[in-house]
């Protein structure tokens, strides 16, 4: 049984991740209105605070804040290595983007 509150959408978007004043570029694997999975071989500890600059279609950028809730590391490079992030702060640009891909009409 899926415990997630919100539907996930597979979206490969460029993302700049900033953790403890260090940044790196990666791609999103999927996202929802409350979280996203970043595909990366860089691990980090659960409960680490992160800042995210997510490149959206139409040359838009969304600025998010989040907390790492899960780190996935496998010895096989083609597997989905990465970090699961719970979004704690999101901007209107991100809200509008999620509404546009989910077909939602109601505000959240």
PDB file of N, CA and C in Angstrom:
ATOM      1  N   UNK A   1       0.838  -1.184   0.000  1.00  0.00           N
ATOM      2  CA  UNK A   1       0.000   0.000   0.000  1.00  0.00           C
ATOM      3  C   UNK A   1       0.882   1.246   0.000  1.00  0.00           C
ATOM      4  N   UNK A   2       0.571   2.194  -0.857  1.00  0.00           N
ATOM      5  CA  UNK A   2       1.352   3.416  -0.976  1.00  0.00           C
ATOM      6  C   UNK A   2       0.972   4.384   0.142  1.00  0.00           C
ATOM      7  N   UNK A   3       1.978   4.843   0.908  1.00  0.00           N
ATOM      8  CA  UNK A   3       1.734   5.736   2.039  1.00  0.00           C
ATOM      9  C   UNK A   3       1.793   7.210   1.644  1.00  0.00           C
ATOM     10  N   UNK A   4       2.056   7.507   0.389  1.00  0.00           N
ATOM     11  CA  UNK A   4       2.227   8.903  -0.029  1.00  0.00           C
ATOM     12  C   UNK A   4       0.897   9.650  -0.046  1.00  0.00           C
ATOM     13  N   UNK A   5       0.956  10.927   0.353  1.00  0.00           N
ATOM     14  CA  UNK A   5      -0.231  11.779   0.366  1.00  0.00           C
ATOM     15  C   UNK A   5      -0.531  12.370  -1.006  1.00  0.00           C
ATOM     16  N   UNK A   6       0.498  12.582  -1.815  1.00  0.00           N
ATOM     17  CA  UNK A   6       0.334  13.283  -3.086  1.00  0.00           C
ATOM     18  C   UNK A   6       0.835  12.441  -4.251  1.00  0.00           C
ATOM     19  N   UNK A   7       0.181  12.601  -5.390  1.00  0.00           N
ATOM     20  CA  UNK A   7       0.589  11.887  -6.602  1.00  0.00           C
ATOM     21  C   UNK A   7       1.978  12.332  -7.022  1.00  0.00           C
ATOM     22  N   UNK A   8       2.756  11.391  -7.546  1.00  0.00           N
ATOM     23  CA  UNK A   8       4.106  11.690  -8.044  1.00  0.00           C
ATOM     24  C   UNK A   8       4.075  11.718  -9.561  1.00  0.00           C
ATOM     25  N   UNK A   9       4.951  12.561 -10.107  1.00  0.00           N
ATOM     26  CA  UNK A   9       5.071  12.706 -11.549  1.00  0.00           C
ATOM     27  C   UNK A   9       6.540  12.576 -11.922  1.00  0.00           C
ATOM     28  N   UNK A  10       6.826  11.732 -12.906  1.00  0.00           N
ATOM     29  CA  UNK A  10       8.206  11.586 -13.368  1.00  0.00           C
ATOM     30  C   UNK A  10       8.547  12.815 -14.203  1.00  0.00           C
ATOM     31  N   UNK A  11       9.537  13.548 -13.762  1.00  0.00           N
ATOM     32  CA  UNK A  11       9.999  14.753 -14.456  1.00  0.00           C
ATOM     33  C   UNK A  11      11.504  14.831 -14.319  1.00  0.00           C
ATOM     34  N   UNK A  12      12.186  14.868 -15.436  1.00  0.00           N
ATOM     35  CA  UNK A  12      13.647  14.999 -15.450  1.00  0.00           C
ATOM     36  C   UNK A  12      13.983  16.479 -15.610  1.00  0.00           C
ATOM     37  N   UNK A  13      14.230  17.131 -14.505  1.00  0.00           N
ATOM     38  CA  UNK A  13      14.512  18.563 -14.499  1.00  0.00           C
ATOM     39  C   UNK A  13      15.887  18.800 -13.880  1.00  0.00           C
ATOM     40  N   UNK A  14      16.620  19.763 -14.420  1.00  0.00           N
ATOM     41  CA  UNK A  14      17.904  20.149 -13.845  1.00  0.00           C
ATOM     42  C   UNK A  14      17.660  20.734 -12.455  1.00  0.00           C
ATOM     43  N   UNK A  15      18.515  20.363 -11.523  1.00  0.00           N
ATOM     44  CA  UNK A  15      18.379  20.865 -10.156  1.00  0.00           C
ATOM     45  C   UNK A  15      19.757  21.179  -9.595  1.00  0.00           C
ATOM     46  N   UNK A  16      19.870  22.338  -8.994  1.00  0.00           N
ATOM     47  CA  UNK A  16      21.085  22.698  -8.256  1.00  0.00           C
ATOM     48  C   UNK A  16      20.763  22.490  -6.789  1.00  0.00           C
ATOM     49  N   UNK A  17      21.547  21.635  -6.143  1.00  0.00           N
ATOM     50  CA  UNK A  17      21.333  21.291  -4.747  1.00  0.00           C
ATOM     51  C   UNK A  17      22.418  21.965  -3.916  1.00  0.00           C
ATOM     52  N   UNK A  18      21.999  22.639  -2.849  1.00  0.00           N
ATOM     53  CA  UNK A  18      22.951  23.303  -1.968  1.00  0.00           C
ATOM     54  C   UNK A  18      22.800  22.703  -0.571  1.00  0.00           C
ATOM     55  N   UNK A  19      23.911  22.112  -0.089  1.00  0.00           N
ATOM     56  CA  UNK A  19      23.945  21.511   1.241  1.00  0.00           C
ATOM     57  C   UNK A  19      25.191  22.035   1.950  1.00  0.00           C
ATOM     58  N   UNK A  20      24.996  22.688   3.074  1.00  0.00           N
ATOM     59  CA  UNK A  20      26.130  23.208   3.858  1.00  0.00           C
ATOM     60  C   UNK A  20      27.093  24.028   3.009  1.00  0.00           C
ATOM     61  N   UNK A  21      26.598  24.965   2.237  1.00  0.00           N
ATOM     62  CA  UNK A  21      27.383  25.884   1.407  1.00  0.00           C
ATOM     63  C   UNK A  21      28.127  25.202   0.260  1.00  0.00           C
ATOM     64  N   UNK A  22      27.794  23.943  -0.021  1.00  0.00           N
ATOM     65  CA  UNK A  22      28.369  23.221  -1.152  1.00  0.00           C
ATOM     66  C   UNK A  22      27.231  22.923  -2.119  1.00  0.00           C
ATOM     67  N   UNK A  23      27.486  23.170  -3.414  1.00  0.00           N
ATOM     68  CA  UNK A  23      26.414  22.911  -4.378  1.00  0.00           C
ATOM     69  C   UNK A  23      26.868  21.932  -5.453  1.00  0.00           C
ATOM     70  N   UNK A  24      25.882  21.244  -6.022  1.00  0.00           N
ATOM     71  CA  UNK A  24      26.128  20.357  -7.149  1.00  0.00           C
ATOM     72  C   UNK A  24      24.878  20.309  -8.012  1.00  0.00           C
ATOM     73  N   UNK A  25      25.067  19.967  -9.271  1.00  0.00           N
ATOM     74  CA  UNK A  25      23.964  19.858 -10.225  1.00  0.00           C
ATOM     75  C   UNK A  25      23.557  18.409 -10.374  1.00  0.00           C
ATOM     76  N   UNK A  26      22.279  18.194 -10.530  1.00  0.00           N
ATOM     77  CA  UNK A  26      21.763  16.854 -10.731  1.00  0.00           C
ATOM     78  C   UNK A  26      20.446  16.953 -11.491  1.00  0.00           C
ATOM     79  N   UNK A  27      19.702  15.851 -11.536  1.00  0.00           N
ATOM     80  CA  UNK A  27      18.383  15.835 -12.182  1.00  0.00           C
ATOM     81  C   UNK A  27      17.364  15.247 -11.233  1.00  0.00           C
ATOM     82  N   UNK A  28      16.149  15.735 -11.364  1.00  0.00           N
ATOM     83  CA  UNK A  28      15.079  15.147 -10.569  1.00  0.00           C
ATOM     84  C   UNK A  28      14.659  13.826 -11.196  1.00  0.00           C
ATOM     85  N   UNK A  29      14.177  12.930 -10.362  1.00  0.00           N
ATOM     86  CA  UNK A  29      13.641  11.667 -10.848  1.00  0.00           C
ATOM     87  C   UNK A  29      12.129  11.738 -10.912  1.00  0.00           C
ATOM     88  N   UNK A  30      11.542  12.181  -9.818  1.00  0.00           N
ATOM     89  CA  UNK A  30      10.111  12.420  -9.784  1.00  0.00           C
ATOM     90  C   UNK A  30       9.837  13.508  -8.760  1.00  0.00           C
ATOM     91  N   UNK A  31       8.606  14.007  -8.778  1.00  0.00           N
ATOM     92  CA  UNK A  31       8.242  15.047  -7.833  1.00  0.00           C
ATOM     93  C   UNK A  31       6.763  15.009  -7.545  1.00  0.00           C
ATOM     94  N   UNK A  32       6.402  15.620  -6.439  1.00  0.00           N
ATOM     95  CA  UNK A  32       5.006  15.815  -6.058  1.00  0.00           C
ATOM     96  C   UNK A  32       4.917  17.186  -5.423  1.00  0.00           C
ATOM     97  N   UNK A  33       3.740  17.552  -4.958  1.00  0.00           N
ATOM     98  CA  UNK A  33       3.614  18.869  -4.353  1.00  0.00           C
ATOM     99  C   UNK A  33       4.324  18.948  -3.001  1.00  0.00           C
ATOM    100  N   UNK A  34       4.699  17.807  -2.433  1.00  0.00           N
ATOM    101  CA  UNK A  34       5.346  17.837  -1.119  1.00  0.00           C
ATOM    102  C   UNK A  34       6.761  17.266  -1.089  1.00  0.00           C
ATOM    103  N   UNK A  35       7.270  16.797  -2.238  1.00  0.00           N
ATOM    104  CA  UNK A  35       8.612  16.238  -2.214  1.00  0.00           C
ATOM    105  C   UNK A  35       9.152  15.941  -3.600  1.00  0.00           C
ATOM    106  N   UNK A  36      10.430  15.569  -3.641  1.00  0.00           N
ATOM    107  CA  UNK A  36      11.032  15.174  -4.905  1.00  0.00           C
ATOM    108  C   UNK A  36      12.192  14.229  -4.650  1.00  0.00           C
ATOM    109  N   UNK A  37      12.527  13.466  -5.676  1.00  0.00           N
ATOM    110  CA  UNK A  37      13.655  12.561  -5.631  1.00  0.00           C
ATOM    111  C   UNK A  37      14.703  13.108  -6.569  1.00  0.00           C
ATOM    112  N   UNK A  38      15.912  13.312  -6.057  1.00  0.00           N
ATOM    113  CA  UNK A  38      17.021  13.820  -6.849  1.00  0.00           C
ATOM    114  C   UNK A  38      17.958  12.662  -7.140  1.00  0.00           C
ATOM    115  N   UNK A  39      18.220  12.435  -8.413  1.00  0.00           N
ATOM    116  CA  UNK A  39      19.119  11.352  -8.808  1.00  0.00           C
ATOM    117  C   UNK A  39      20.556  11.842  -8.694  1.00  0.00           C
ATOM    118  N   UNK A  40      21.317  11.196  -7.821  1.00  0.00           N
ATOM    119  CA  UNK A  40      22.706  11.573  -7.601  1.00  0.00           C
ATOM    120  C   UNK A  40      23.448  10.431  -6.926  1.00  0.00           C
ATOM    121  N   UNK A  41      24.741  10.376  -7.131  1.00  0.00           N
ATOM    122  CA  UNK A  41      25.569   9.412  -6.421  1.00  0.00           C
ATOM    123  C   UNK A  41      26.122   9.997  -5.127  1.00  0.00           C
ATOM    124  N   UNK A  42      25.844  11.272  -4.895  1.00  0.00           N
ATOM    125  CA  UNK A  42      26.285  11.923  -3.664  1.00  0.00           C
ATOM    126  C   UNK A  42      25.296  11.580  -2.560  1.00  0.00           C
ATOM    127  N   UNK A  43      25.800  11.034  -1.513  1.00  0.00           N
ATOM    128  CA  UNK A  43      24.941  10.713  -0.389  1.00  0.00           C
ATOM    129  C   UNK A  43      24.954  11.831   0.632  1.00  0.00           C
ATOM    130  N   UNK A  44      23.944  11.888   1.427  1.00  0.00           N
ATOM    131  CA  UNK A  44      23.945  12.804   2.561  1.00  0.00           C
ATOM    132  C   UNK A  44      23.035  12.221   3.634  1.00  0.00           C
ATOM    133  N   UNK A  45      23.212  12.700   4.826  1.00  0.00           N
ATOM    134  CA  UNK A  45      22.496  12.150   5.971  1.00  0.00           C
ATOM    135  C   UNK A  45      21.023  12.539   5.965  1.00  0.00           C
ATOM    136  N   UNK A  46      20.215  11.631   6.465  1.00  0.00           N
ATOM    137  CA  UNK A  46      18.799  11.919   6.685  1.00  0.00           C
ATOM    138  C   UNK A  46      18.703  13.093   7.651  1.00  0.00           C
ATOM    139  N   UNK A  47      17.698  13.930   7.461  1.00  0.00           N
ATOM    140  CA  UNK A  47      17.424  15.137   8.253  1.00  0.00           C
ATOM    141  C   UNK A  47      18.342  16.311   7.920  1.00  0.00           C
ATOM    142  N   UNK A  48      19.128  16.198   6.836  1.00  0.00           N
ATOM    143  CA  UNK A  48      19.958  17.315   6.388  1.00  0.00           C
ATOM    144  C   UNK A  48      19.088  18.340   5.667  1.00  0.00           C
ATOM    145  N   UNK A  49      19.269  19.614   5.981  1.00  0.00           N
ATOM    146  CA  UNK A  49      18.542  20.693   5.297  1.00  0.00           C
ATOM    147  C   UNK A  49      19.180  20.949   3.932  1.00  0.00           C
ATOM    148  N   UNK A  50      18.348  21.178   2.915  1.00  0.00           N
ATOM    149  CA  UNK A  50      18.846  21.445   1.567  1.00  0.00           C
ATOM    150  C   UNK A  50      18.091  22.622   0.955  1.00  0.00           C
ATOM    151  N   UNK A  51      18.807  23.362   0.114  1.00  0.00           N
ATOM    152  CA  UNK A  51      18.196  24.383  -0.734  1.00  0.00           C
ATOM    153  C   UNK A  51      18.242  23.841  -2.151  1.00  0.00           C
ATOM    154  N   UNK A  52      17.201  24.099  -2.925  1.00  0.00           N
ATOM    155  CA  UNK A  52      17.101  23.551  -4.272  1.00  0.00           C
ATOM    156  C   UNK A  52      16.699  24.664  -5.232  1.00  0.00           C
ATOM    157  N   UNK A  53      17.427  24.747  -6.335  1.00  0.00           N
ATOM    158  CA  UNK A  53      17.033  25.603  -7.455  1.00  0.00           C
ATOM    159  C   UNK A  53      16.624  24.663  -8.573  1.00  0.00           C
ATOM    160  N   UNK A  54      15.345  24.600  -8.846  1.00  0.00           N
ATOM    161  CA  UNK A  54      14.808  23.656  -9.813  1.00  0.00           C
ATOM    162  C   UNK A  54      14.487  24.383 -11.114  1.00  0.00           C
ATOM    163  N   UNK A  55      15.121  23.950 -12.212  1.00  0.00           N
ATOM    164  CA  UNK A  55      14.883  24.561 -13.527  1.00  0.00           C
ATOM    165  C   UNK A  55      13.609  23.980 -14.126  1.00  0.00           C
ATOM    166  N   UNK A  56      12.637  24.839 -14.361  1.00  0.00           N
ATOM    167  CA  UNK A  56      11.344  24.425 -14.888  1.00  0.00           C
ATOM    168  C   UNK A  56      11.212  24.802 -16.359  1.00  0.00           C
ATOM    169  N   UNK A  57      10.279  24.191 -17.074  1.00  0.00           N
ATOM    170  CA  UNK A  57      10.054  24.572 -18.471  1.00  0.00           C
ATOM    171  C   UNK A  57       9.737  26.064 -18.595  1.00  0.00           C
ATOM    172  N   UNK A  58      10.036  26.624 -19.753  1.00  0.00           N
ATOM    173  CA  UNK A  58       9.778  28.047 -19.983  1.00  0.00           C
ATOM    174  C   UNK A  58      10.813  28.947 -19.348  1.00  0.00           C
ATOM    175  N   UNK A  59      12.012  28.420 -19.111  1.00  0.00           N
ATOM    176  CA  UNK A  59      13.103  29.181 -18.497  1.00  0.00           C
ATOM    177  C   UNK A  59      12.738  29.751 -17.130  1.00  0.00           C
ATOM    178  N   UNK A  60      11.932  29.018 -16.383  1.00  0.00           N
ATOM    179  CA  UNK A  60      11.567  29.432 -15.031  1.00  0.00           C
ATOM    180  C   UNK A  60      12.419  28.659 -14.033  1.00  0.00           C
ATOM    181  N   UNK A  61      12.650  29.268 -12.888  1.00  0.00           N
ATOM    182  CA  UNK A  61      13.406  28.627 -11.819  1.00  0.00           C
ATOM    183  C   UNK A  61      12.584  28.716 -10.542  1.00  0.00           C
ATOM    184  N   UNK A  62      12.504  27.611  -9.846  1.00  0.00           N
ATOM    185  CA  UNK A  62      11.813  27.566  -8.569  1.00  0.00           C
ATOM    186  C   UNK A  62      12.840  27.397  -7.461  1.00  0.00           C
ATOM    187  N   UNK A  63      12.633  28.111  -6.373  1.00  0.00           N
ATOM    188  CA  UNK A  63      13.535  28.041  -5.223  1.00  0.00           C
ATOM    189  C   UNK A  63      12.803  27.335  -4.085  1.00  0.00           C
ATOM    190  N   UNK A  64      13.359  26.198  -3.674  1.00  0.00           N
ATOM    191  CA  UNK A  64      12.728  25.361  -2.664  1.00  0.00           C
ATOM    192  C   UNK A  64      13.668  25.128  -1.496  1.00  0.00           C
ATOM    193  N   UNK A  65      13.088  24.801  -0.358  1.00  0.00           N
ATOM    194  CA  UNK A  65      13.854  24.357   0.798  1.00  0.00           C
ATOM    195  C   UNK A  65      13.274  23.007   1.196  1.00  0.00           C
ATOM    196  N   UNK A  66      14.153  22.140   1.707  1.00  0.00           N
ATOM    197  CA  UNK A  66      13.666  20.822   2.086  1.00  0.00           C
ATOM    198  C   UNK A  66      14.565  20.135   3.090  1.00  0.00           C
ATOM    199  N   UNK A  67      14.139  18.929   3.431  1.00  0.00           N
ATOM    200  CA  UNK A  67      14.859  18.079   4.377  1.00  0.00           C
ATOM    201  C   UNK A  67      15.031  16.716   3.728  1.00  0.00           C
ATOM    202  N   UNK A  68      16.246  16.188   3.780  1.00  0.00           N
ATOM    203  CA  UNK A  68      16.489  14.849   3.241  1.00  0.00           C
ATOM    204  C   UNK A  68      15.788  13.834   4.147  1.00  0.00           C
ATOM    205  N   UNK A  69      14.921  13.029   3.544  1.00  0.00           N
ATOM    206  CA  UNK A  69      14.187  12.011   4.296  1.00  0.00           C
ATOM    207  C   UNK A  69      14.671  10.598   3.991  1.00  0.00           C
ATOM    208  N   UNK A  70      15.393  10.455   2.850  1.00  0.00           N
ATOM    209  CA  UNK A  70      15.838   9.121   2.450  1.00  0.00           C
ATOM    210  C   UNK A  70      17.050   9.254   1.540  1.00  0.00           C
ATOM    211  N   UNK A  71      18.023   8.378   1.726  1.00  0.00           N
ATOM    212  CA  UNK A  71      19.180   8.308   0.837  1.00  0.00           C
ATOM    213  C   UNK A  71      19.239   6.895   0.270  1.00  0.00           C
ATOM    214  N   UNK A  72      19.345   6.796  -1.056  1.00  0.00           N
ATOM    215  CA  UNK A  72      19.399   5.498  -1.724  1.00  0.00           C
ATOM    216  C   UNK A  72      20.763   5.357  -2.385  1.00  0.00           C
ATOM    217  N   UNK A  73      21.516   4.331  -1.963  1.00  0.00           N
ATOM    218  CA  UNK A  73      22.827   4.066  -2.560  1.00  0.00           C
ATOM    219  C   UNK A  73      22.896   2.591  -2.887  1.00  0.00           C
ATOM    220  N   UNK A  74      23.183   2.301  -4.134  1.00  0.00           N
ATOM    221  CA  UNK A  74      23.338   0.912  -4.546  1.00  0.00           C
ATOM    222  C   UNK A  74      24.706   0.759  -5.203  1.00  0.00           C
ATOM    223  N   UNK A  75      25.240  -0.452  -5.234  1.00  0.00           N
ATOM    224  CA  UNK A  75      26.530  -0.654  -5.883  1.00  0.00           C
ATOM    225  C   UNK A  75      26.423  -0.673  -7.414  1.00  0.00           C
ATOM    226  N   UNK A  76      25.206  -0.644  -7.929  1.00  0.00           N
ATOM    227  CA  UNK A  76      24.986  -0.710  -9.374  1.00  0.00           C
ATOM    228  C   UNK A  76      24.670   0.694  -9.887  1.00  0.00           C
ATOM    229  N   UNK A  77      25.546   1.278 -10.727  1.00  0.00           N
ATOM    230  CA  UNK A  77      25.372   2.666 -11.169  1.00  0.00           C
ATOM    231  C   UNK A  77      24.061   2.949 -11.913  1.00  0.00           C
ATOM    232  N   UNK A  78      23.502   1.962 -12.608  1.00  0.00           N
ATOM    233  CA  UNK A  78      22.280   2.249 -13.367  1.00  0.00           C
ATOM    234  C   UNK A  78      21.026   2.232 -12.498  1.00  0.00           C
ATOM    235  N   UNK A  79      21.165   1.829 -11.235  1.00  0.00           N
ATOM    236  CA  UNK A  79      20.029   1.843 -10.317  1.00  0.00           C
ATOM    237  C   UNK A  79      19.742   3.284  -9.887  1.00  0.00           C
ATOM    238  N   UNK A  80      18.601   3.476  -9.265  1.00  0.00           N
ATOM    239  CA  UNK A  80      18.189   4.819  -8.861  1.00  0.00           C
ATOM    240  C   UNK A  80      18.864   5.257  -7.565  1.00  0.00           C
ATOM    241  N   UNK A  81      20.111   5.692  -7.672  1.00  0.00           N
ATOM    242  CA  UNK A  81      20.794   6.288  -6.532  1.00  0.00           C
ATOM    243  C   UNK A  81      20.269   7.709  -6.369  1.00  0.00           C
ATOM    244  N   UNK A  82      20.149   8.157  -5.143  1.00  0.00           N
ATOM    245  CA  UNK A  82      19.718   9.533  -4.962  1.00  0.00           C
ATOM    246  C   UNK A  82      19.230   9.831  -3.570  1.00  0.00           C
ATOM    247  N   UNK A  83      18.556  10.983  -3.464  1.00  0.00           N
ATOM    248  CA  UNK A  83      18.032  11.429  -2.177  1.00  0.00           C
ATOM    249  C   UNK A  83      16.567  11.822  -2.329  1.00  0.00           C
ATOM    250  N   UNK A  84      15.780  11.381  -1.370  1.00  0.00           N
ATOM    251  CA  UNK A  84      14.375  11.761  -1.301  1.00  0.00           C
ATOM    252  C   UNK A  84      14.248  12.960  -0.382  1.00  0.00           C
ATOM    253  N   UNK A  85      13.611  14.004  -0.876  1.00  0.00           N
ATOM    254  CA  UNK A  85      13.537  15.261  -0.129  1.00  0.00           C
ATOM    255  C   UNK A  85      12.090  15.637   0.133  1.00  0.00           C
ATOM    256  N   UNK A  86      11.794  15.964   1.377  1.00  0.00           N
ATOM    257  CA  UNK A  86      10.494  16.526   1.742  1.00  0.00           C
ATOM    258  C   UNK A  86      10.610  18.037   1.596  1.00  0.00           C
ATOM    259  N   UNK A  87       9.739  18.634   0.810  1.00  0.00           N
ATOM    260  CA  UNK A  87       9.771  20.085   0.605  1.00  0.00           C
ATOM    261  C   UNK A  87       9.133  20.764   1.810  1.00  0.00           C
ATOM    262  N   UNK A  88       9.881  21.693   2.407  1.00  0.00           N
ATOM    263  CA  UNK A  88       9.372  22.435   3.562  1.00  0.00           C
ATOM    264  C   UNK A  88       8.960  23.856   3.195  1.00  0.00           C
ATOM    265  N   UNK A  89       9.543  24.407   2.126  1.00  0.00           N
ATOM    266  CA  UNK A  89       9.168  25.733   1.630  1.00  0.00           C
ATOM    267  C   UNK A  89       9.174  25.690   0.111  1.00  0.00           C
ATOM    268  N   UNK A  90       8.093  26.198  -0.495  1.00  0.00           N
ATOM    269  CA  UNK A  90       8.005  26.229  -1.956  1.00  0.00           C
ATOM    270  C   UNK A  90       7.455  27.565  -2.401  1.00  0.00           C
ATOM    271  N   UNK A  91       7.838  27.960  -3.598  1.00  0.00           N
ATOM    272  CA  UNK A  91       7.379  29.242  -4.118  1.00  0.00           C
ATOM    273  C   UNK A  91       6.175  29.052  -5.047  1.00  0.00           C
ATOM    274  N   UNK A  92       5.602  30.162  -5.448  1.00  0.00           N
ATOM    275  CA  UNK A  92       4.425  30.138  -6.321  1.00  0.00           C
ATOM    276  C   UNK A  92       4.741  29.502  -7.675  1.00  0.00           C
ATOM    277  N   UNK A  93       5.958  29.674  -8.156  1.00  0.00           N
ATOM    278  CA  UNK A  93       6.375  29.083  -9.435  1.00  0.00           C
ATOM    279  C   UNK A  93       6.263  27.561  -9.370  1.00  0.00           C
ATOM    280  N   UNK A  94       6.707  26.965  -8.270  1.00  0.00           N
ATOM    281  CA  UNK A  94       6.623  25.517  -8.107  1.00  0.00           C
ATOM    282  C   UNK A  94       5.166  25.084  -7.976  1.00  0.00           C
ATOM    283  N   UNK A  95       4.395  25.799  -7.181  1.00  0.00           N
ATOM    284  CA  UNK A  95       2.971  25.458  -7.015  1.00  0.00           C
ATOM    285  C   UNK A  95       2.250  25.464  -8.363  1.00  0.00           C
ATOM    286  N   UNK A  96       2.499  26.494  -9.149  1.00  0.00           N
ATOM    287  CA  UNK A  96       1.868  26.591 -10.471  1.00  0.00           C
ATOM    288  C   UNK A  96       2.296  25.447 -11.384  1.00  0.00           C
ATOM    289  N   UNK A  97       3.577  25.083 -11.330  1.00  0.00           N
ATOM    290  CA  UNK A  97       4.074  23.996 -12.163  1.00  0.00           C
ATOM    291  C   UNK A  97       3.405  22.673 -11.787  1.00  0.00           C
ATOM    292  N   UNK A  98       3.336  22.371 -10.495  1.00  0.00           N
ATOM    293  CA  UNK A  98       2.708  21.118 -10.058  1.00  0.00           C
ATOM    294  C   UNK A  98       1.235  21.098 -10.460  1.00  0.00           C
ATOM    295  N   UNK A  99       0.551  22.224 -10.295  1.00  0.00           N
ATOM    296  CA  UNK A  99      -0.852  22.275 -10.720  1.00  0.00           C
ATOM    297  C   UNK A  99      -0.977  22.012 -12.210  1.00  0.00           C
ATOM    298  N   UNK A 100      -0.063  22.552 -12.998  1.00  0.00           N
ATOM    299  CA  UNK A 100      -0.147  22.390 -14.456  1.00  0.00           C
ATOM    300  C   UNK A 100       0.078  20.940 -14.885  1.00  0.00           C
ATOM    301  N   UNK A 101       0.917  20.196 -14.184  1.00  0.00           N
ATOM    302  CA  UNK A 101       1.158  18.805 -14.584  1.00  0.00           C
ATOM    303  C   UNK A 101       0.171  17.841 -13.933  1.00  0.00           C
ATOM    304  N   UNK A 102      -0.458  18.260 -12.866  1.00  0.00           N
ATOM    305  CA  UNK A 102      -1.394  17.373 -12.184  1.00  0.00           C
ATOM    306  C   UNK A 102      -2.825  17.602 -12.623  1.00  0.00           C
ATOM    307  N   UNK A 103      -3.077  18.745 -13.280  1.00  0.00           N
ATOM    308  CA  UNK A 103      -4.438  19.053 -13.692  1.00  0.00           C
ATOM    309  C   UNK A 103      -5.307  19.513 -12.544  1.00  0.00           C
ATOM    310  N   UNK A 104      -4.680  19.867 -11.426  1.00  0.00           N
ATOM    311  CA  UNK A 104      -5.458  20.308 -10.266  1.00  0.00           C
ATOM    312  C   UNK A 104      -6.041  21.693 -10.505  1.00  0.00           C
ATOM    313  N   UNK A 105      -7.221  21.888  -9.981  1.00  0.00           N
ATOM    314  CA  UNK A 105      -7.873  23.186 -10.055  1.00  0.00           C
ATOM    315  C   UNK A 105      -7.856  23.867  -8.690  1.00  0.00           C
ATOM    316  N   UNK A 106      -7.975  23.082  -7.644  1.00  0.00           N
ATOM    317  CA  UNK A 106      -8.032  23.645  -6.283  1.00  0.00           C
ATOM    318  C   UNK A 106      -6.657  24.099  -5.819  1.00  0.00           C
ATOM    319  N   UNK A 107      -6.628  25.144  -5.033  1.00  0.00           N
ATOM    320  CA  UNK A 107      -5.393  25.617  -4.409  1.00  0.00           C
ATOM    321  C   UNK A 107      -4.984  24.647  -3.320  1.00  0.00           C
ATOM    322  N   UNK A 108      -3.719  24.611  -3.012  1.00  0.00           N
ATOM    323  CA  UNK A 108      -3.229  23.834  -1.863  1.00  0.00           C
ATOM    324  C   UNK A 108      -2.235  24.645  -1.116  1.00  0.00           C
TER     325      UNK A 108
END
